[in-house]
N, C-alpha and C. Protein backbone atom coordinates (compact mmCIF):
# COMPACT_ATOMS: atom_id res chain seq x y z
N MET A 1 77.27 -10.17 79.37
CA MET A 1 78.47 -10.69 78.53
C MET A 1 79.45 -11.12 78.85
N THR A 2 79.52 -12.34 77.70
CA THR A 2 81.20 -13.28 77.61
C THR A 2 82.36 -13.03 77.59
N ARG A 3 83.03 -13.66 78.60
CA ARG A 3 84.06 -12.73 78.64
C ARG A 3 84.60 -12.92 77.46
N TRP A 4 84.54 -13.90 76.31
CA TRP A 4 85.34 -13.53 75.51
C TRP A 4 84.84 -11.85 74.53
N GLU A 5 82.95 -11.85 75.09
CA GLU A 5 82.64 -10.63 73.82
C GLU A 5 82.93 -9.79 75.18
N ARG A 6 83.79 -9.74 75.90
CA ARG A 6 83.85 -8.07 77.14
C ARG A 6 84.91 -7.56 76.16
N ARG A 7 85.81 -9.01 75.72
CA ARG A 7 86.89 -9.03 75.39
C ARG A 7 87.51 -8.01 73.89
N THR A 8 86.56 -9.41 73.03
CA THR A 8 86.26 -8.59 71.90
C THR A 8 86.24 -7.19 71.74
N LEU A 9 85.34 -6.15 72.68
CA LEU A 9 84.90 -5.59 72.70
C LEU A 9 85.29 -4.19 73.18
N GLU A 10 86.25 -4.61 74.28
CA GLU A 10 87.49 -3.71 74.67
C GLU A 10 88.36 -3.41 73.29
N ARG A 11 89.51 -4.46 72.92
CA ARG A 11 89.60 -4.54 71.54
C ARG A 11 89.11 -3.21 71.06
N ALA A 12 88.24 -3.81 70.26
CA ALA A 12 87.07 -2.35 69.76
C ALA A 12 87.43 -1.34 70.32
N GLY A 13 87.32 -1.34 71.34
CA GLY A 13 87.55 0.03 71.91
C GLY A 13 89.38 0.51 71.25
N GLU A 14 89.76 -0.44 72.14
CA GLU A 14 91.45 0.21 72.31
C GLU A 14 91.61 0.76 70.34
N CYS A 15 90.77 0.17 69.22
CA CYS A 15 90.77 1.15 68.14
C CYS A 15 90.32 2.04 67.70
N TRP A 16 89.23 2.72 68.17
CA TRP A 16 88.69 4.05 68.52
C TRP A 16 89.29 4.89 69.53
N PHE A 17 89.56 4.41 70.80
CA PHE A 17 90.01 5.08 72.08
C PHE A 17 91.73 5.08 72.56
N PRO A 18 92.78 4.54 71.26
CA PRO A 18 94.11 3.98 72.10
C PRO A 18 94.45 5.02 72.98
N GLY A 19 94.07 6.01 73.25
CA GLY A 19 94.51 6.92 74.50
C GLY A 19 96.34 8.08 74.00
N ASN A 20 96.51 9.22 74.83
CA ASN A 20 97.88 9.51 74.29
C ASN A 20 97.89 10.44 75.57
N ARG A 21 98.99 11.15 75.93
CA ARG A 21 99.28 11.84 76.70
C ARG A 21 97.76 12.10 77.37
N ARG A 22 97.36 12.89 77.04
CA ARG A 22 95.42 13.66 78.04
C ARG A 22 94.74 12.41 78.48
N TYR A 23 95.20 11.07 77.41
CA TYR A 23 92.97 11.28 77.92
C TYR A 23 93.57 9.21 77.59
N PRO A 24 92.85 8.67 79.33
CA PRO A 24 93.19 7.33 78.93
C PRO A 24 92.73 6.02 78.06
N SER A 25 93.91 5.39 77.51
CA SER A 25 93.65 4.04 76.46
C SER A 25 91.75 3.18 77.05
N PHE A 26 90.67 3.19 76.23
CA PHE A 26 89.82 2.67 76.51
C PHE A 26 89.96 1.42 77.34
N ARG A 27 91.37 0.64 77.77
CA ARG A 27 91.83 -0.59 78.35
C ARG A 27 91.76 -0.02 79.05
N THR A 28 93.16 1.58 79.73
CA THR A 28 93.54 1.81 80.98
C THR A 28 92.20 2.06 81.44
N LEU A 29 91.78 3.01 81.26
CA LEU A 29 89.95 3.42 81.77
C LEU A 29 88.78 2.34 82.65
N GLY A 30 89.44 1.05 82.17
CA GLY A 30 88.46 0.23 82.50
C GLY A 30 87.43 -0.25 82.39
N CYS A 31 86.04 0.64 80.92
CA CYS A 31 84.56 0.95 81.48
C CYS A 31 84.47 0.30 80.64
N ILE A 32 84.75 -1.01 80.79
CA ILE A 32 84.11 -1.80 80.06
C ILE A 32 83.48 -2.74 80.93
N GLU A 33 84.26 -2.74 82.03
CA GLU A 33 83.20 -3.12 84.03
C GLU A 33 81.86 -1.91 83.15
N ALA A 34 81.46 -1.50 82.84
CA ALA A 34 79.98 -0.73 83.06
C ALA A 34 78.92 -1.57 81.54
N ALA A 35 80.06 -2.49 80.35
CA ALA A 35 79.51 -2.74 79.50
C ALA A 35 77.67 -3.43 80.14
N ASP A 36 78.06 -3.84 81.19
CA ASP A 36 76.70 -4.54 81.53
C ASP A 36 74.94 -4.30 81.42
N ALA A 37 75.65 -2.74 82.63
CA ALA A 37 74.91 -1.95 82.95
C ALA A 37 74.50 -0.91 81.84
N VAL A 38 75.05 -0.99 81.06
CA VAL A 38 74.93 -0.13 80.07
C VAL A 38 73.66 -0.61 78.76
N LEU A 39 74.32 -2.04 78.95
CA LEU A 39 73.79 -2.90 78.21
C LEU A 39 72.11 -3.11 78.83
N SER A 40 71.98 -3.16 79.94
CA SER A 40 70.20 -3.62 80.11
C SER A 40 69.10 -3.17 80.23
N HIS A 41 69.50 -1.82 78.89
CA HIS A 41 68.29 -0.78 77.80
C HIS A 41 68.05 -1.76 77.18
N ALA A 42 68.93 -2.49 76.45
CA ALA A 42 68.83 -2.82 75.22
C ALA A 42 67.56 -4.13 75.01
N SER A 43 67.53 -4.79 73.65
CA SER A 43 66.57 -5.48 73.92
C SER A 43 67.42 -6.91 73.88
N ALA A 44 66.62 -7.37 73.89
CA ALA A 44 67.27 -8.78 74.51
C ALA A 44 67.71 -9.12 72.96
N ALA A 45 67.20 -8.70 72.04
CA ALA A 45 67.18 -9.65 70.40
C ALA A 45 68.61 -8.94 70.06
N ASP A 46 69.23 -6.95 70.51
CA ASP A 46 69.34 -6.25 70.21
C ASP A 46 70.56 -7.08 71.19
N ARG A 47 70.89 -7.50 71.99
CA ARG A 47 72.11 -8.38 73.13
C ARG A 47 72.30 -9.17 72.58
N ARG A 48 71.35 -10.55 71.76
CA ARG A 48 71.79 -10.82 70.82
C ARG A 48 72.31 -11.04 69.32
N ALA A 49 72.11 -10.07 68.62
CA ALA A 49 72.93 -9.87 67.68
C ALA A 49 73.92 -9.18 68.10
N LEU A 50 74.59 -8.59 69.17
CA LEU A 50 76.05 -7.73 69.77
C LEU A 50 76.85 -8.89 69.79
N GLY A 51 76.37 -9.95 70.78
CA GLY A 51 76.92 -11.39 70.45
C GLY A 51 77.62 -11.89 69.90
N TRP A 52 76.30 -12.11 69.24
CA TRP A 52 77.08 -12.58 67.65
C TRP A 52 78.29 -11.85 67.02
N LEU A 53 78.32 -10.68 66.58
CA LEU A 53 79.05 -9.67 65.81
C LEU A 53 80.54 -10.01 67.20
N LEU A 54 80.53 -9.00 68.28
CA LEU A 54 81.70 -9.58 69.15
C LEU A 54 81.63 -11.32 69.12
N THR A 55 80.57 -12.28 68.66
CA THR A 55 81.58 -13.82 68.64
C THR A 55 82.95 -12.97 67.90
N ALA A 56 82.07 -12.50 66.11
CA ALA A 56 82.79 -13.19 64.36
C ALA A 56 84.14 -11.64 64.59
N LEU A 57 84.01 -11.14 66.08
CA LEU A 57 84.99 -10.26 65.60
C LEU A 57 86.19 -10.33 65.93
N GLY A 58 85.78 -10.99 67.79
CA GLY A 58 86.46 -11.87 67.92
C GLY A 58 87.55 -12.02 67.93
N LEU A 59 87.02 -13.00 66.24
CA LEU A 59 88.12 -14.53 65.33
C LEU A 59 89.43 -13.37 64.43
N VAL A 60 88.45 -12.51 64.44
CA VAL A 60 90.14 -11.37 63.59
C VAL A 60 90.91 -11.06 64.35
N PRO A 61 92.84 -10.12 63.76
CA PRO A 61 93.52 -10.09 64.03
C PRO A 61 93.25 -8.56 64.21
N MET A 62 93.70 -8.73 65.07
CA MET A 62 93.95 -6.67 65.44
C MET A 62 94.44 -6.18 64.37
N PRO A 63 95.08 -5.78 63.47
CA PRO A 63 95.56 -5.06 62.86
C PRO A 63 94.03 -5.56 61.57
N VAL A 64 92.81 -6.83 60.80
CA VAL A 64 92.22 -6.26 60.17
C VAL A 64 91.66 -5.76 61.53
N LEU A 65 90.76 -5.45 62.44
CA LEU A 65 90.09 -5.01 63.33
C LEU A 65 90.31 -3.64 62.92
N ARG A 66 91.77 -3.37 63.22
CA ARG A 66 91.77 -1.58 63.33
C ARG A 66 90.89 -1.27 62.15
N SER A 67 91.78 -1.79 61.10
CA SER A 67 90.59 -1.31 59.32
C SER A 67 90.14 -1.40 59.27
N LEU A 68 88.90 -2.49 59.71
CA LEU A 68 87.29 -2.67 59.73
C LEU A 68 86.83 -1.61 60.10
N MET A 69 87.71 -1.06 61.95
CA MET A 69 87.03 0.31 62.67
C MET A 69 87.36 1.61 61.46
N VAL A 70 87.93 1.89 60.90
CA VAL A 70 87.98 2.84 59.94
C VAL A 70 87.68 2.40 58.96
N ALA A 71 87.74 1.54 58.07
CA ALA A 71 86.68 1.51 57.36
C ALA A 71 84.82 1.77 57.73
N ALA A 72 84.44 1.77 58.89
CA ALA A 72 83.37 1.99 60.17
C ALA A 72 83.42 3.49 59.38
N ALA A 73 84.02 3.68 60.83
CA ALA A 73 83.88 5.25 60.99
C ALA A 73 83.95 6.06 59.38
N SER A 74 84.71 5.84 58.52
CA SER A 74 84.17 6.61 56.78
C SER A 74 83.52 5.71 56.06
N SER A 75 82.35 5.25 56.31
CA SER A 75 81.33 4.52 54.99
C SER A 75 79.95 5.99 55.21
N ALA A 76 80.18 6.50 55.57
CA ALA A 76 78.66 8.12 54.69
C ALA A 76 79.19 8.04 53.95
N THR A 77 80.27 7.63 53.02
CA THR A 77 80.18 8.07 51.16
C THR A 77 80.17 6.81 50.57
N ARG A 78 79.91 5.52 51.67
CA ARG A 78 80.01 4.18 50.39
C ARG A 78 78.64 4.27 50.33
N ARG A 79 78.39 3.84 49.20
CA ARG A 79 77.30 3.18 48.30
C ARG A 79 78.03 1.54 48.71
N GLY A 80 75.75 0.97 48.49
CA GLY A 80 75.98 -0.16 48.03
C GLY A 80 75.29 -1.21 49.34
N PRO A 81 76.31 -1.89 49.33
CA PRO A 81 75.31 -3.34 50.70
C PRO A 81 76.54 -3.26 51.70
N LEU A 82 78.22 -2.66 50.90
CA LEU A 82 78.55 -3.34 51.92
C LEU A 82 79.04 -1.61 52.16
N GLY A 83 78.32 -0.91 52.26
CA GLY A 83 77.84 1.08 52.74
C GLY A 83 77.47 0.95 53.90
N GLY A 84 76.70 -0.10 53.56
CA GLY A 84 75.02 0.18 54.75
C GLY A 84 75.61 -0.92 56.09
N VAL A 85 76.27 -1.96 55.00
CA VAL A 85 77.28 -2.96 56.69
C VAL A 85 77.47 -2.29 57.63
N LEU A 86 78.98 -1.28 57.12
CA LEU A 86 79.68 -0.27 57.76
C LEU A 86 79.36 0.68 58.91
N ARG A 87 78.08 0.40 57.76
CA ARG A 87 78.01 2.18 58.88
C ARG A 87 76.75 1.24 60.19
N GLU A 88 76.51 0.11 60.26
CA GLU A 88 75.45 -0.38 60.64
C GLU A 88 76.97 -0.39 61.71
N LEU A 89 77.29 -1.13 61.83
CA LEU A 89 79.17 -0.93 62.70
C LEU A 89 79.14 -0.15 62.99
N ASP A 90 79.65 1.06 63.21
CA ASP A 90 79.96 2.41 63.06
C ASP A 90 78.93 3.11 63.85
N TYR A 91 77.26 2.65 63.54
CA TYR A 91 76.55 3.80 64.37
C TYR A 91 76.56 2.33 65.42
N GLY A 92 76.38 0.79 65.07
CA GLY A 92 76.24 0.43 66.67
C GLY A 92 77.44 0.47 68.11
N LEU A 93 78.22 -0.15 67.23
CA LEU A 93 79.72 -0.73 68.06
C LEU A 93 79.83 0.77 67.86
N ASN A 94 80.42 0.85 67.27
CA ASN A 94 81.11 2.76 67.79
C ASN A 94 80.10 3.39 68.73
N GLY A 95 78.44 2.91 68.52
CA GLY A 95 78.25 3.63 69.57
C GLY A 95 78.18 3.14 71.06
N LEU A 96 78.05 2.15 71.27
CA LEU A 96 78.84 1.45 72.68
C LEU A 96 79.80 1.98 72.33
N VAL A 97 80.23 1.87 72.23
CA VAL A 97 82.01 1.88 72.82
C VAL A 97 82.51 3.62 73.05
N THR A 98 81.55 4.32 72.75
CA THR A 98 81.67 5.33 72.72
C THR A 98 81.15 5.65 74.20
N THR A 99 79.57 5.82 73.95
CA THR A 99 79.18 5.92 75.47
C THR A 99 79.94 5.41 76.81
N LEU A 100 80.54 3.76 77.07
CA LEU A 100 81.02 3.34 77.31
C LEU A 100 82.65 4.17 77.79
N TYR A 101 83.13 5.09 76.76
CA TYR A 101 84.62 5.67 76.99
C TYR A 101 83.88 6.96 78.30
N PHE A 102 83.11 8.16 77.73
CA PHE A 102 82.99 8.92 78.02
C PHE A 102 81.74 8.54 78.68
N SER A 103 81.52 7.53 79.50
CA SER A 103 80.33 7.53 80.06
C SER A 103 80.18 8.49 81.67
N GLY A 104 81.61 8.02 81.74
CA GLY A 104 82.53 8.65 82.93
C GLY A 104 82.57 7.42 84.38
N TYR A 105 82.22 6.58 83.95
CA TYR A 105 82.79 5.07 84.17
C TYR A 105 84.30 4.59 84.46
N HIS A 106 84.20 4.44 85.80
CA HIS A 106 85.84 3.69 85.67
C HIS A 106 86.34 2.35 85.84
N GLY A 107 86.81 1.45 85.58
CA GLY A 107 87.55 0.90 86.24
C GLY A 107 87.32 0.85 88.21
N ALA A 108 87.01 -0.30 88.41
CA ALA A 108 87.68 -0.14 89.53
C ALA A 108 89.11 -0.58 90.59
N ALA A 109 90.02 -0.41 89.65
CA ALA A 109 91.41 -0.19 89.30
C ALA A 109 92.70 0.82 89.07
N TYR A 110 91.41 1.58 87.95
CA TYR A 110 91.80 2.55 87.55
C TYR A 110 91.85 4.18 87.83
N VAL A 111 93.01 5.20 88.51
CA VAL A 111 94.07 5.71 89.41
C VAL A 111 94.13 6.83 88.07
N GLY A 112 92.69 7.89 87.99
CA GLY A 112 93.29 9.60 87.92
C GLY A 112 91.97 9.73 86.73
N ARG A 113 91.91 10.36 86.14
CA ARG A 113 90.94 10.90 84.88
C ARG A 113 90.54 10.28 83.92
N THR A 114 88.46 10.78 84.63
CA THR A 114 88.47 10.14 83.17
C THR A 114 88.07 10.75 82.53
N PRO A 115 86.91 10.54 80.84
CA PRO A 115 87.95 11.28 79.75
C PRO A 115 86.86 12.47 80.45
N VAL A 116 85.30 12.28 80.65
CA VAL A 116 84.27 13.36 80.74
C VAL A 116 85.21 15.14 81.76
N GLN A 117 85.82 14.24 83.23
CA GLN A 117 87.12 14.43 84.21
C GLN A 117 88.29 15.85 83.22
N VAL A 118 88.06 15.38 81.87
CA VAL A 118 89.93 15.59 81.97
C VAL A 118 88.73 17.37 80.34
N MET A 119 87.52 16.75 79.80
CA MET A 119 87.10 18.22 79.68
C MET A 119 86.41 18.66 80.28
N LEU A 120 85.98 18.65 80.54
CA LEU A 120 85.12 19.42 82.26
C LEU A 120 86.45 20.46 82.50
N GLY A 121 88.32 19.59 82.72
CA GLY A 121 89.22 20.85 82.87
C GLY A 121 89.28 20.21 85.12
N ASP A 122 88.40 19.48 85.62
CA ASP A 122 88.70 20.75 86.50
C ASP A 122 88.81 18.60 86.86
N GLY A 123 88.93 17.72 88.24
CA GLY A 123 88.43 16.99 89.28
C GLY A 123 87.49 15.77 89.67
N THR A 124 85.55 16.43 88.85
CA THR A 124 84.47 16.12 89.14
C THR A 124 84.23 15.45 87.56
N THR A 125 82.87 14.09 88.20
CA THR A 125 82.50 13.39 87.79
C THR A 125 81.21 13.07 88.89
N GLU A 126 79.77 12.91 88.02
CA GLU A 126 78.84 12.87 88.55
C GLU A 126 78.59 11.35 88.91
N HIS A 127 79.67 10.51 88.38
CA HIS A 127 79.67 9.22 88.51
C HIS A 127 80.26 8.80 88.98
N GLY A 128 81.56 8.10 88.12
CA GLY A 128 82.90 7.15 88.99
C GLY A 128 82.42 5.78 89.14
N GLN A 129 81.94 4.91 89.67
CA GLN A 129 82.05 3.72 89.94
C GLN A 129 80.31 2.83 89.11
N VAL A 130 80.93 1.67 88.83
CA VAL A 130 80.20 1.46 88.18
C VAL A 130 78.97 1.17 88.76
N PRO A 131 77.51 1.57 88.57
CA PRO A 131 76.84 1.09 88.79
C PRO A 131 76.10 -0.72 88.62
N GLU A 132 75.15 -0.83 89.33
CA GLU A 132 75.29 -2.09 89.04
C GLU A 132 73.62 -2.27 87.77
N PRO A 133 73.79 -3.37 86.69
CA PRO A 133 72.66 -3.62 85.71
C PRO A 133 71.32 -3.23 86.92
N GLU A 134 70.37 -2.52 85.46
CA GLU A 134 68.68 -3.08 86.51
C GLU A 134 68.66 -4.13 85.94
N ARG A 135 67.78 -4.46 87.16
CA ARG A 135 66.88 -5.68 86.22
C ARG A 135 65.79 -5.84 86.10
N SER A 136 65.63 -6.40 84.24
CA SER A 136 63.98 -6.56 83.84
C SER A 136 63.22 -7.50 85.09
N SER A 137 62.30 -6.70 84.57
CA SER A 137 61.34 -7.77 86.14
C SER A 137 60.48 -8.88 85.59
């Protein structure tokens, strides 16, 4: 991922996971560092399409991006082409952001409990540090 794509994905993550007293925000958690490892399982075509989407969304001001994410999250009842596009956005982008947030991974600078640890009610997690992305042979 490019720095621009990573920044845009992090902004989208902040829309869904802004943080509260119990849970860290997407940005604070630093789980964006695991994006390459998670995306190493995606096809080249899917990674390319994600890059285009993130490049375009990176031009959108944060209030508009938040509104777009809200519309995507409520797209199940929308009909027509717009509903389909919003559902794809919700499934794809929200799916990636949610996977990263609840993966158990965190950034190297993060000190605190991960969302998984908060949900489990203890300080254990099987992950922790970001793994190296798998390389295609």
